[in-house]
Structures are given as structure tokens and as C-alpha cells.
């Protein structure tokens, strides 16, 4: 029997878009060994997910597999070409031989059925067992993927579970029929680093227990280092580099790989800006890649901020006036009510938080989902009303302001949300979206003046003038986030809250957006509160950092000091969960 479970040979997948043929996967070949974890890494649009869908024969119109073979070595006999199976045969193979975990579990789970019903249904379809047997096997699977109280979770609906728990339910469903190959397509992208680490450890443990092969797809080489044995790097539909993980990380050959290795924020130093893939490669009009003579470590060293410059900035900020003062802030939500509407308990999302922010400072706020950091950010702008405490901004008590006064003040206080797509009206062009807040607040005398300002802002966030007339769905995630930043700048704010504003972006696009935010801070003197679950991102962005847990501040201080000498066990837990930086 060959060492490979699956051999992809010369696979090509094309999509028909507006009477043109777009090649999403371009003549790739890849072997997936038995009993190991193969990583596929690349940015959005690189072809990695289309490759996974091809393995499952799930490429939908207008996509089409136009060339190649996918040989499945089920036994010592002649391998089976998956692409030649009939739809009925392929339906039997899915789940039994090959299973898949998708990126967003909420869209993969039916909100109308309990989690137990959905996993049991998959077992009954493929295993032809009784409902009682399927129920017991579901409980066993929930226990195997380390879900708490499996019997209770059988009756829970997807919306009642956390992101990590939903992903564990999807893993249980995927392994319910003991497949030989499990495809995990970006299963940890939107998860906290601690939950991500737990999911990676679970997948590795299941792989070792069952001996199955795993194809793990991600945009983050740091995650690949945590889980994979070998890796293939994809760029614009092609595999540009592949090999053992340790070898790729020690001696990357392709400039794109070097860029991916370098663009994640380091934890052991402060950089002026993050390296990005254009630092290592040039792409001509024909799509040909030319390498720049840039070594990863050399570039990172040249971008490192000297200690004396860090000390000078710290002294400068200490002399800056206070912009924001928060004292004993509380934001509570009713946990349950009696039959007559009386509150029986409270969720203390923000529970007695006090801190200050100086003008021109970036304060990082880090913690896991549910710790209260987003509620704190929204409460500061009174998008959520506080239960108690004081918020003083530029000497004004925000709790005492009426609606009209608060509306005027919001010109100076803006927020950038996590999901740029839901922040933009799909019926408005990008230009109209940027001009809208100017119209609401009566900025600029004419429509022409507002349009000129919008075009200027698009250029400021590195978008082109022709983007003014396009709609949000025509942009990538990184481009949409730039549009949202331009919209926030339209009112000339001095204080901006960034709420998980890069959490869902590829690491390379994330680096570009973080660099943009840093350059705008230097140009306009912005004050930021930067909210994230990723301590490495907060470490790069922030002068000072607060670690939040269960509605309270665990510890605060200079960002570098907290990383190097964390006082709280919770902070040490967050640091330990961060994927390794490959270039340090």
C-alpha cells in the first residue's frame, strides 16, 4: 500500500465570470500522506478552499474541474479517481471516507434543530443505526471532542453555544463515520487564540487516536507550525512551495512564503511597521513574480524601534493631557426575569472598571470573547448605556449629555467594528457611504466638496478613485475595512475605538491594515483604544495594554512590560496560546 492516502495530480479548476474564464486552481499536484497532517496555506483567493472543495466534489457552478485526477488509495488495490465517481457513489464517500469541517460553524449548523439531532442524523444516514444507538454515539462523540456535559448539549441549539463549542460539534459530526481523511477549512480563523489552541490540540489528538489524515487549511503559517507535519504554500491558484514544515520555516525559498512568515506581529520587539508581502516580491502586469533581495530577519531588525525611542515616546505621552477618564464603570444586563418581569440575576459584562487614556496614546484592550471588552468599548461611546460609574471625555461628563449634545460629540469619537460588510449599507456605493456622515453632520458646503473629500480619504487609505462608484460586495475583506476606516475619518475624529477590526482578515492583509492605522495615528495624532483577543496584535499597536477578564481589569501597564513580565496567570495563559512567530 502506498504511503499516500490521496494524490492530487495536475488539478485545474476554472470559474466562468462575466464571459471570462478565471483559473482558481492552476495545475497543482500534491500528495497527502497517511496518518499525518498536511497544511495548505495562503491568502484569500489563493485557491486553497477550492482545492478542498474539489477533494469533496463540492465545486459548484459557475466553477468546474477542467483537468486533473484525484487518486484515493483506499487499499493496496488500484486507486480510485474521485473525479470519476458518480454522484451517488460520491454521496456515499462523503462522511464515510472523506469529511470536512467548514470555516464558519454557524452557517454549517441548522438553527432549527438541536446540535444532538444534527449529529445523530449524520450517523443514521451513513451508519443505518436506530435512533437510540445514534443518540448514544452522539454522546460518546461529544465526550470525545471534550464538550462539557454532553447529555445537556444534545438538547442545545447552535445559538446557545460559544464559537469554540460550535466548532467542536462540527468536528464531532465530521468524525462520526470515522473517515480516513478529514479536511479542516479555516476552522479557527475567527476564534480567540486560547480557543484556537484548544481546537488545534483536539484535532492533533484525534488524528493520533484514529490514524486519519488531516488537510488543514489556513492563512496563518503560525497556526501551521502548531499542527502540521508538511505544508503547501498556495499563491494565485498555484503551489509555489511545499515540503516539511520545519524545513519551509527554516529555509523558505519563495518570496511569498517569506512575506507570510514575516507579517505576523512579533512579541519580543516593537516595530515601526509590520513587513508585508510586497517587501519581498514584485508582481508585473502579467502576474510574474520577481523576488526582492530582502532577508526576513534583516528586514525585521531594520524595522525594530530602538529602546531609547520607546522611552522617549513614553515620556512624551506622560506629559500629554488626559483625553478620557473612566471611573468605576459598570454595564450590567439582565440574566433572567421572573414571570412578572422582575430581574432575578445580572450579567456583569463590565464590572467596576477604571482607567485613563492620554491624548495621542494607543491603549490596547485584550481578552477572550465574553470578557466584556466590546461592551466596554460601546459603553464608552454610549452605544450601550452604563449601569453605573463615570465617563469623562475632554472634561465633559458623557453620562450627563443629552441626545443632541451626544450626537455632536460623536463627530469626535468614532468606532471601527469587526465586520466591515455589516457596517456598510449594501445599497450605497463606497463614495456615498463615506459622504453620508458628512451630510448628517453638515460638513462642507456642497456635494462637490464632500465628493472631493471622499476621494481624498480613499487615496489616504490606499484605494483608487474609481472605487468611489463601486458597492461593498465588490471588494475584498481588507478593502472593505479600508473603506470603513475612510468613513470613520470623514468627521475628523480625534478618538477612535477599533473593535476587533482585523480579527477576520488574512495575516498579510491584517498587517497592511495595522500599518495603515499606525501611519494615520502618526499623521493625525489620533488616540486609539484597540480591542482584540490577539495579544500579539495588541502588543504591536499599543503603548499601554489592559488585560480584561470577566468584566474586570486583570492587569495594565506598558505593552512590552506586560508581555515580558505578566503578573496575572490569565495573561500568561493568553501569551502561551499565541502561535509561534516564525522569524524570531
Foldseek 3Di string as FASTA:
>chain_A
DDQFQKWWFQWWKWAQDPNDTATQAGGEIDTFGFLFEEEEAAFPSLNPVVVVCVVLVNDDPVMDTDDTFMWGPPDPDGTDTLVPDDPVVSVLCELQAEYEQEAALVVVFDQVAALLVVLLVLCCVRVVDDSVVSSVLQLVLCVLLPPPPSVVSNRHGPVVDDLLSSSSSSVSSSCSNPHQEYEYANHPQQFFLLSLLSNLVSVQVVSVVRRHYYYYYYHALLSCVSHGQKYFYTGNNYGPDIDGSVCCLVDPDDLQSLQRLFLFFDQQFAFLATRFSVVFWDQDPVRDIDGDPDHRLVVRVVRTDDPVVLVVVVVVQVPAAWFKWWFQWWAKDQPDADPVGHRPDIQTLAGGETDTFGFLFEEEEAEGPSLNPVVVLCCLLPVDPIPDTFMAGPRRTVNPDDPVVSVVCCLQEEEQEAFLVVVADQVAQLLCLLLVVCVVNVHDDDPVVSSVLLQVLCVLLPHHSVSNGHGPVVDDRLSSLSSSVSSSPSSVYQEYEYANHCSNGRSNSSSSVLSSVSVCCVVSRHYYYYYDNQLSSSLHNGQKYFYTGSNYTPDIDGSSCCSVPPPDPSSVSSNVSHRDNSND
